[in-house]
């Protein structure tokens, strides 16, 4: 088992080897700084992943279909203060005004 652990340590070199003439104190400082950098990177990656998972769960996709055809939704009556963003470059805004959405 010890051979296997040593082999893995050699393959996965997180910390660089100690240089010739480098004091133990310098090498320890170098390892601490690298550990802090790796830790900060891991925490940032975890925060981004968690943020993506939290926001992806709250996203809602709404569609309107009549006879199997997808139709755009122009407005929805609600008491909640929410904003929806939609892009439709093919149509003008005259249909929105006819339906009473402002």
Protein backbone atom coordinates (compact mmCIF):
# COMPACT_ATOMS: atom_id res chain seq x y z
CA UNK A 1 0.00 0.00 0.00
CA UNK A 2 2.86 2.40 0.79
CA UNK A 3 4.33 1.82 -2.67
CA UNK A 4 1.00 2.71 -4.24
CA UNK A 5 0.70 5.91 -2.18
CA UNK A 6 4.24 6.96 -3.11
CA UNK A 7 3.53 6.24 -6.79
CA UNK A 8 0.37 8.38 -6.67
CA UNK A 9 2.28 11.18 -4.91
CA UNK A 10 4.87 11.14 -7.68
CA UNK A 11 2.20 11.26 -10.38
CA UNK A 12 0.19 14.02 -8.73
CA UNK A 13 2.75 16.65 -7.82
CA UNK A 14 0.75 19.40 -6.21
CA UNK A 15 3.76 20.97 -4.57
CA UNK A 16 7.07 21.41 -6.42
CA UNK A 17 10.09 19.54 -5.08
CA UNK A 18 12.46 21.31 -2.73
CA UNK A 19 15.20 23.13 -4.65
CA UNK A 20 18.89 22.67 -4.02
CA UNK A 21 20.01 25.12 -1.35
CA UNK A 22 16.47 26.14 -0.39
CA UNK A 23 15.97 26.37 3.36
CA UNK A 24 13.25 24.43 5.11
CA UNK A 25 11.56 27.67 6.13
CA UNK A 26 11.41 28.96 2.53
CA UNK A 27 10.08 25.64 1.30
CA UNK A 28 7.41 25.57 4.04
CA UNK A 29 6.36 29.15 3.15
CA UNK A 30 6.15 28.18 -0.52
CA UNK A 31 3.93 25.18 0.32
CA UNK A 32 1.64 27.28 2.51
CA UNK A 33 1.19 29.91 -0.22
CA UNK A 34 0.44 27.25 -2.82
CA UNK A 35 -2.00 25.59 -0.41
CA UNK A 36 -3.80 28.91 0.06
CA UNK A 37 -3.97 29.44 -3.72
CA UNK A 38 -5.33 25.93 -4.32
CA UNK A 39 -7.82 26.34 -1.47
CA UNK A 40 -9.06 29.69 -2.78
CA UNK A 41 -9.48 28.19 -6.25
CA UNK A 42 -11.41 25.21 -4.85
CA UNK A 43 -13.70 27.48 -2.82
CA UNK A 44 -14.35 29.73 -5.82
CA UNK A 45 -15.11 26.73 -8.03
CA UNK A 46 -17.48 25.36 -5.37
CA UNK A 47 -19.23 28.74 -5.05
CA UNK A 48 -19.74 28.99 -8.83
CA UNK A 49 -21.04 25.41 -9.02
CA UNK A 50 -23.41 25.97 -6.12
CA UNK A 51 -24.66 29.22 -7.67
CA UNK A 52 -25.34 27.50 -10.97
CA UNK A 53 -27.21 24.67 -9.28
CA UNK A 54 -29.31 27.03 -7.13
CA UNK A 55 -30.29 29.36 -9.97
CA UNK A 56 -30.91 26.54 -12.45
CA UNK A 57 -33.46 25.04 -10.09
CA UNK A 58 -35.42 28.29 -9.89
CA UNK A 59 -35.65 28.94 -13.63
CA UNK A 60 -39.08 28.51 -15.14
CA UNK A 61 -39.73 28.06 -18.83
CA UNK A 62 -43.24 28.91 -19.95
CA UNK A 63 -44.71 28.17 -23.33
CA UNK A 64 -48.13 28.41 -24.92
CA UNK A 65 -49.26 25.83 -27.44
CA UNK A 66 -52.52 25.64 -29.35
CA UNK A 67 -53.16 22.58 -31.50
CA UNK A 68 -49.51 21.60 -31.09
CA UNK A 69 -48.20 24.97 -32.38
CA UNK A 70 -45.94 26.98 -30.09
CA UNK A 71 -47.24 30.53 -29.72
CA UNK A 72 -45.58 33.46 -27.96
CA UNK A 73 -46.86 34.71 -24.61
CA UNK A 74 -47.37 38.46 -24.69
CA UNK A 75 -48.30 39.25 -21.10
CA UNK A 76 -49.38 37.56 -17.88
CA UNK A 77 -51.58 39.12 -15.18
CA UNK A 78 -49.88 38.73 -11.79
CA UNK A 79 -49.61 40.57 -8.48
CA UNK A 80 -45.96 39.53 -8.06
CA UNK A 81 -43.24 41.96 -9.06
CA UNK A 82 -41.28 39.96 -11.62
CA UNK A 83 -39.54 40.72 -14.88
CA UNK A 84 -39.45 38.48 -17.93
CA UNK A 85 -37.01 38.92 -20.79
CA UNK A 86 -37.90 37.68 -24.23
CA UNK A 87 -36.39 38.25 -27.67
CA UNK A 88 -38.50 38.13 -30.81
CA UNK A 89 -36.94 40.06 -33.65
CA UNK A 90 -39.43 38.92 -36.29
CA UNK A 91 -42.51 40.72 -34.98
CA UNK A 92 -43.26 44.36 -34.23
CA UNK A 93 -44.81 45.71 -31.04
CA UNK A 94 -48.24 46.49 -32.55
CA UNK A 95 -49.66 43.16 -31.34
CA UNK A 96 -48.58 43.94 -27.80
CA UNK A 97 -50.48 47.19 -27.77
CA UNK A 98 -53.64 45.51 -29.13
CA UNK A 99 -53.62 42.96 -26.30
CA UNK A 100 -53.38 45.62 -23.60
CA UNK A 101 -49.82 44.85 -22.49
CA UNK A 102 -47.67 47.87 -21.87
